[in-house]
N, C-alpha and C. Protein backbone atom coordinates (compact mmCIF):
# COMPACT_ATOMS: atom_id res chain seq x y z
N MET A 1 15.10 163.43 130.07
CA MET A 1 14.38 162.19 129.86
C MET A 1 13.19 162.47 128.93
N THR A 2 13.04 161.64 127.91
CA THR A 2 11.97 161.84 126.94
C THR A 2 10.67 161.21 127.43
N PHE A 3 9.58 161.58 126.78
CA PHE A 3 8.27 161.03 127.11
C PHE A 3 8.26 159.51 126.89
N LEU A 4 8.90 159.06 125.82
CA LEU A 4 8.97 157.62 125.54
C LEU A 4 9.74 156.88 126.63
N GLN A 5 10.82 157.46 127.11
CA GLN A 5 11.57 156.84 128.20
C GLN A 5 10.72 156.72 129.46
N ILE A 6 9.93 157.74 129.73
CA ILE A 6 9.03 157.70 130.90
C ILE A 6 8.00 156.59 130.73
N LEU A 7 7.45 156.45 129.52
CA LEU A 7 6.49 155.37 129.27
C LEU A 7 7.13 154.00 129.44
N LYS A 8 8.37 153.86 129.03
CA LYS A 8 9.08 152.59 129.19
C LYS A 8 9.27 152.26 130.67
N ILE A 9 9.60 153.26 131.44
CA ILE A 9 9.76 153.06 132.88
C ILE A 9 8.42 152.67 133.51
N ILE A 10 7.35 153.33 133.09
CA ILE A 10 6.01 152.99 133.59
C ILE A 10 5.66 151.55 133.24
N ALA A 11 5.97 151.12 132.03
CA ALA A 11 5.69 149.73 131.62
C ALA A 11 6.48 148.75 132.46
N ALA A 12 7.75 149.04 132.71
CA ALA A 12 8.57 148.15 133.55
C ALA A 12 8.04 148.13 134.98
N LEU A 13 7.65 149.28 135.50
CA LEU A 13 7.09 149.34 136.86
C LEU A 13 5.76 148.61 136.94
N GLY A 14 4.96 148.71 135.88
CA GLY A 14 3.70 147.96 135.83
C GLY A 14 3.93 146.46 135.84
N THR A 15 4.99 146.05 135.17
CA THR A 15 5.37 144.63 135.15
C THR A 15 5.75 144.19 136.56
N ILE A 16 6.55 145.00 137.23
CA ILE A 16 6.95 144.68 138.60
C ILE A 16 5.73 144.63 139.51
N ALA A 17 4.83 145.59 139.38
CA ALA A 17 3.62 145.63 140.22
C ALA A 17 2.77 144.38 140.03
N THR A 18 2.63 143.94 138.79
CA THR A 18 1.88 142.71 138.51
C THR A 18 2.54 141.53 139.21
N GLY A 19 3.86 141.48 139.13
CA GLY A 19 4.60 140.41 139.77
C GLY A 19 4.47 140.44 141.28
N VAL A 20 4.59 141.61 141.87
CA VAL A 20 4.50 141.74 143.33
C VAL A 20 3.11 141.30 143.81
N LEU A 21 2.07 141.72 143.11
CA LEU A 21 0.71 141.31 143.48
C LEU A 21 0.57 139.80 143.42
N SER A 22 1.05 139.20 142.35
CA SER A 22 0.95 137.74 142.19
C SER A 22 1.80 137.01 143.23
N LEU A 23 2.93 137.59 143.58
CA LEU A 23 3.83 137.00 144.55
C LEU A 23 3.25 137.06 145.97
N LEU A 24 2.72 138.21 146.34
CA LEU A 24 2.24 138.41 147.71
C LEU A 24 0.80 137.99 147.93
N ARG A 25 -0.02 138.06 146.90
CA ARG A 25 -1.44 137.74 147.03
C ARG A 25 -1.90 136.85 145.88
N PRO A 26 -1.37 135.65 145.79
CA PRO A 26 -1.66 134.78 144.64
C PRO A 26 -3.14 134.44 144.48
N ARG A 27 -3.87 134.44 145.56
CA ARG A 27 -5.30 134.13 145.46
C ARG A 27 -6.12 135.30 144.92
N SER A 28 -5.57 136.50 144.98
CA SER A 28 -6.30 137.69 144.55
C SER A 28 -6.40 137.82 143.03
N ILE A 29 -5.62 137.06 142.29
CA ILE A 29 -5.64 137.20 140.84
C ILE A 29 -6.77 136.41 140.18
N LYS A 30 -7.46 135.58 140.95
CA LYS A 30 -8.50 134.72 140.38
C LYS A 30 -9.58 135.52 139.65
N ASP A 31 -10.04 136.60 140.24
CA ASP A 31 -11.13 137.36 139.62
C ASP A 31 -10.74 137.93 138.26
N PHE A 32 -9.47 138.28 138.08
CA PHE A 32 -9.06 138.86 136.81
C PHE A 32 -8.59 137.81 135.81
N THR A 33 -7.79 136.86 136.28
CA THR A 33 -7.19 135.89 135.35
C THR A 33 -7.97 134.60 135.21
N GLY A 34 -8.78 134.29 136.20
CA GLY A 34 -9.47 133.00 136.20
C GLY A 34 -8.61 131.89 136.77
N LEU A 35 -7.35 132.20 137.07
CA LEU A 35 -6.45 131.20 137.65
C LEU A 35 -6.74 131.09 139.14
N GLU A 36 -6.95 129.88 139.57
CA GLU A 36 -7.31 129.67 140.97
C GLU A 36 -6.17 128.97 141.71
N ALA A 37 -5.81 129.55 142.83
CA ALA A 37 -4.78 128.97 143.69
C ALA A 37 -5.47 127.97 144.62
N SER A 38 -5.83 126.82 144.05
CA SER A 38 -6.66 125.86 144.75
C SER A 38 -5.88 124.85 145.58
N SER A 39 -4.57 124.89 145.51
CA SER A 39 -3.74 123.96 146.27
C SER A 39 -2.41 124.65 146.57
N PRO A 40 -1.67 124.13 147.54
CA PRO A 40 -0.35 124.72 147.79
C PRO A 40 0.53 124.72 146.54
N ARG A 41 0.44 123.70 145.72
CA ARG A 41 1.22 123.62 144.48
C ARG A 41 0.83 124.76 143.52
N ALA A 42 -0.47 125.02 143.42
CA ALA A 42 -0.95 126.09 142.55
C ALA A 42 -0.50 127.46 143.06
N VAL A 43 -0.50 127.65 144.37
CA VAL A 43 -0.03 128.90 144.95
C VAL A 43 1.44 129.11 144.60
N THR A 44 2.24 128.06 144.74
CA THR A 44 3.66 128.14 144.41
C THR A 44 3.87 128.49 142.94
N GLU A 45 3.08 127.91 142.06
CA GLU A 45 3.20 128.18 140.63
C GLU A 45 2.88 129.64 140.31
N ILE A 46 1.81 130.15 140.89
CA ILE A 46 1.43 131.54 140.67
C ILE A 46 2.50 132.48 141.22
N ARG A 47 2.97 132.18 142.43
CA ARG A 47 4.02 133.03 143.03
C ARG A 47 5.29 133.03 142.18
N SER A 48 5.69 131.85 141.70
CA SER A 48 6.97 131.76 140.98
C SER A 48 6.88 132.28 139.56
N VAL A 49 5.88 131.86 138.80
CA VAL A 49 5.80 132.24 137.39
C VAL A 49 5.21 133.65 137.22
N LEU A 50 4.04 133.89 137.77
CA LEU A 50 3.43 135.21 137.60
C LEU A 50 4.04 136.24 138.55
N GLY A 51 4.59 135.77 139.65
CA GLY A 51 5.22 136.68 140.60
C GLY A 51 6.68 136.88 140.30
N GLY A 52 7.46 135.85 140.54
CA GLY A 52 8.92 135.96 140.40
C GLY A 52 9.36 136.34 139.00
N LEU A 53 8.79 135.72 138.00
CA LEU A 53 9.19 136.02 136.63
C LEU A 53 8.89 137.48 136.28
N PHE A 54 7.69 137.97 136.61
CA PHE A 54 7.34 139.33 136.26
C PHE A 54 8.15 140.35 137.06
N VAL A 55 8.44 140.06 138.32
CA VAL A 55 9.31 140.95 139.09
C VAL A 55 10.69 140.97 138.45
N GLY A 56 11.21 139.81 138.11
CA GLY A 56 12.55 139.73 137.51
C GLY A 56 12.67 140.44 136.18
N VAL A 57 11.75 140.19 135.27
CA VAL A 57 11.85 140.84 133.96
C VAL A 57 11.52 142.32 134.04
N GLY A 58 10.70 142.71 135.02
CA GLY A 58 10.42 144.14 135.21
C GLY A 58 11.60 144.88 135.79
N LEU A 59 12.36 144.22 136.66
CA LEU A 59 13.55 144.82 137.26
C LEU A 59 14.74 144.86 136.30
N ALA A 60 14.77 143.93 135.36
CA ALA A 60 15.93 143.79 134.47
C ALA A 60 16.35 145.10 133.79
N PRO A 61 15.43 145.90 133.26
CA PRO A 61 15.88 147.14 132.61
C PRO A 61 16.55 148.13 133.56
N PHE A 62 16.22 148.04 134.85
CA PHE A 62 16.83 148.93 135.83
C PHE A 62 18.19 148.40 136.29
N LEU A 63 18.31 147.08 136.33
CA LEU A 63 19.56 146.46 136.75
C LEU A 63 20.59 146.41 135.62
N LEU A 64 20.10 146.28 134.40
CA LEU A 64 20.95 146.21 133.20
C LEU A 64 20.51 147.32 132.25
N PRO A 65 20.86 148.56 132.57
CA PRO A 65 20.32 149.70 131.83
C PRO A 65 20.87 149.82 130.40
N HIS A 66 20.27 149.04 129.53
CA HIS A 66 20.64 149.07 128.11
C HIS A 66 19.33 149.00 127.32
N PRO A 67 19.21 149.76 126.25
CA PRO A 67 17.96 149.75 125.47
C PRO A 67 17.49 148.35 125.08
N ALA A 68 18.41 147.44 124.82
CA ALA A 68 18.02 146.09 124.40
C ALA A 68 17.26 145.35 125.50
N VAL A 69 17.48 145.71 126.74
CA VAL A 69 16.76 145.03 127.84
C VAL A 69 15.30 145.48 127.85
N PHE A 70 15.06 146.78 127.65
CA PHE A 70 13.68 147.26 127.50
C PHE A 70 13.03 146.60 126.29
N GLN A 71 13.77 146.48 125.19
CA GLN A 71 13.22 145.85 123.98
C GLN A 71 12.88 144.38 124.22
N THR A 72 13.71 143.70 124.97
CA THR A 72 13.45 142.29 125.27
C THR A 72 12.16 142.16 126.08
N LEU A 73 11.98 143.05 127.05
CA LEU A 73 10.73 143.06 127.81
C LEU A 73 9.55 143.30 126.88
N GLY A 74 9.73 144.19 125.90
CA GLY A 74 8.68 144.45 124.92
C GLY A 74 8.37 143.25 124.06
N VAL A 75 9.40 142.54 123.63
CA VAL A 75 9.19 141.32 122.84
C VAL A 75 8.40 140.30 123.67
N MET A 76 8.71 140.20 124.96
CA MET A 76 7.96 139.30 125.83
C MET A 76 6.48 139.66 125.81
N TYR A 77 6.18 140.95 125.97
CA TYR A 77 4.78 141.38 125.97
C TYR A 77 4.10 141.11 124.62
N LEU A 78 4.81 141.37 123.53
CA LEU A 78 4.22 141.12 122.21
C LEU A 78 3.99 139.64 121.97
N ALA A 79 4.90 138.79 122.45
CA ALA A 79 4.71 137.34 122.31
C ALA A 79 3.51 136.87 123.13
N ILE A 80 3.41 137.36 124.35
CA ILE A 80 2.26 137.00 125.18
C ILE A 80 0.97 137.47 124.50
N GLY A 81 0.99 138.70 123.96
CA GLY A 81 -0.20 139.23 123.29
C GLY A 81 -0.58 138.43 122.06
N LEU A 82 0.41 138.03 121.27
CA LEU A 82 0.13 137.23 120.07
C LEU A 82 -0.51 135.90 120.45
N VAL A 83 0.07 135.22 121.42
CA VAL A 83 -0.48 133.94 121.85
C VAL A 83 -1.87 134.14 122.46
N ARG A 84 -2.04 135.21 123.23
CA ARG A 84 -3.36 135.48 123.83
C ARG A 84 -4.40 135.71 122.73
N ALA A 85 -4.05 136.51 121.72
CA ALA A 85 -5.00 136.81 120.64
C ALA A 85 -5.43 135.54 119.91
N VAL A 86 -4.48 134.70 119.58
CA VAL A 86 -4.80 133.43 118.92
C VAL A 86 -5.66 132.57 119.84
N SER A 87 -5.26 132.48 121.08
CA SER A 87 -5.99 131.65 122.04
C SER A 87 -7.41 132.17 122.28
N MET A 88 -7.58 133.48 122.28
CA MET A 88 -8.92 134.04 122.46
C MET A 88 -9.86 133.58 121.35
N VAL A 89 -9.34 133.47 120.14
CA VAL A 89 -10.15 133.01 119.01
C VAL A 89 -10.35 131.50 119.08
N VAL A 90 -9.25 130.77 119.21
CA VAL A 90 -9.32 129.30 119.22
C VAL A 90 -10.15 128.78 120.39
N ASP A 91 -9.93 129.38 121.56
CA ASP A 91 -10.60 128.90 122.78
C ASP A 91 -11.91 129.62 123.06
N LYS A 92 -12.27 130.56 122.19
CA LYS A 92 -13.50 131.35 122.36
C LYS A 92 -13.55 131.98 123.76
N SER A 93 -12.47 132.69 124.09
CA SER A 93 -12.37 133.29 125.43
C SER A 93 -12.16 134.80 125.34
N THR A 94 -13.08 135.46 124.65
CA THR A 94 -12.97 136.91 124.49
C THR A 94 -13.64 137.63 125.66
N GLU A 95 -13.28 137.23 126.85
CA GLU A 95 -13.80 137.87 128.06
C GLU A 95 -13.14 139.22 128.24
N ARG A 96 -13.80 140.08 128.99
CA ARG A 96 -13.32 141.44 129.22
C ARG A 96 -11.89 141.45 129.74
N SER A 97 -11.57 140.61 130.70
CA SER A 97 -10.22 140.61 131.28
C SER A 97 -9.18 140.20 130.24
N ASN A 98 -9.53 139.31 129.33
CA ASN A 98 -8.60 138.93 128.26
C ASN A 98 -8.37 140.09 127.30
N VAL A 99 -9.42 140.81 126.98
CA VAL A 99 -9.30 141.96 126.07
C VAL A 99 -8.43 143.04 126.72
N ILE A 100 -8.66 143.31 128.00
CA ILE A 100 -7.86 144.31 128.73
C ILE A 100 -6.40 143.88 128.73
N SER A 101 -6.14 142.62 129.05
CA SER A 101 -4.77 142.12 129.06
C SER A 101 -4.12 142.25 127.69
N LEU A 102 -4.85 141.91 126.64
CA LEU A 102 -4.32 141.99 125.28
C LEU A 102 -3.94 143.42 124.92
N VAL A 103 -4.81 144.36 125.26
CA VAL A 103 -4.53 145.77 124.96
C VAL A 103 -3.27 146.23 125.71
N VAL A 104 -3.17 145.89 126.99
CA VAL A 104 -2.00 146.27 127.78
C VAL A 104 -0.74 145.64 127.19
N GLU A 105 -0.82 144.38 126.82
CA GLU A 105 0.35 143.68 126.26
C GLU A 105 0.82 144.32 124.96
N ILE A 106 -0.11 144.68 124.10
CA ILE A 106 0.25 145.32 122.84
C ILE A 106 0.83 146.71 123.09
N VAL A 107 0.18 147.49 123.94
CA VAL A 107 0.65 148.85 124.22
C VAL A 107 2.03 148.81 124.88
N PHE A 108 2.18 148.01 125.94
CA PHE A 108 3.48 147.90 126.60
C PHE A 108 4.53 147.38 125.61
N GLY A 109 4.16 146.36 124.83
CA GLY A 109 5.10 145.79 123.87
C GLY A 109 5.61 146.80 122.86
N VAL A 110 4.70 147.57 122.30
CA VAL A 110 5.10 148.57 121.30
C VAL A 110 5.95 149.66 121.95
N ILE A 111 5.53 150.15 123.11
CA ILE A 111 6.30 151.19 123.80
C ILE A 111 7.72 150.71 124.08
N LEU A 112 7.84 149.50 124.56
CA LEU A 112 9.15 148.98 124.98
C LEU A 112 10.05 148.61 123.81
N VAL A 113 9.49 148.21 122.69
CA VAL A 113 10.30 147.79 121.54
C VAL A 113 10.82 149.00 120.77
N VAL A 114 10.06 150.08 120.73
CA VAL A 114 10.44 151.27 119.96
C VAL A 114 11.70 151.90 120.51
């Protein structure tokens, strides 16, 4: 196993971990994301989109072991990062948590696409 393959696995596992946290503790993400689970509907949205989606796409490379699946996960991260970068400028939201998220998205995206 190469160093790059190990990094890809770490990125996929990080994706799963993010999803599991959002799924099991949707109210705990408020401090980092600013998203507040202020109603049962909001809790469901956080659990399903930030939880279920991230668990699913993080598991996909392990369930469908093909390089294109890791690359697809990378494209997802790069798309999120691109939209975040534009939004940070347009919405003037260059908060620390946004910068950290952007860096992780770019790093994971590049690792997974290569």
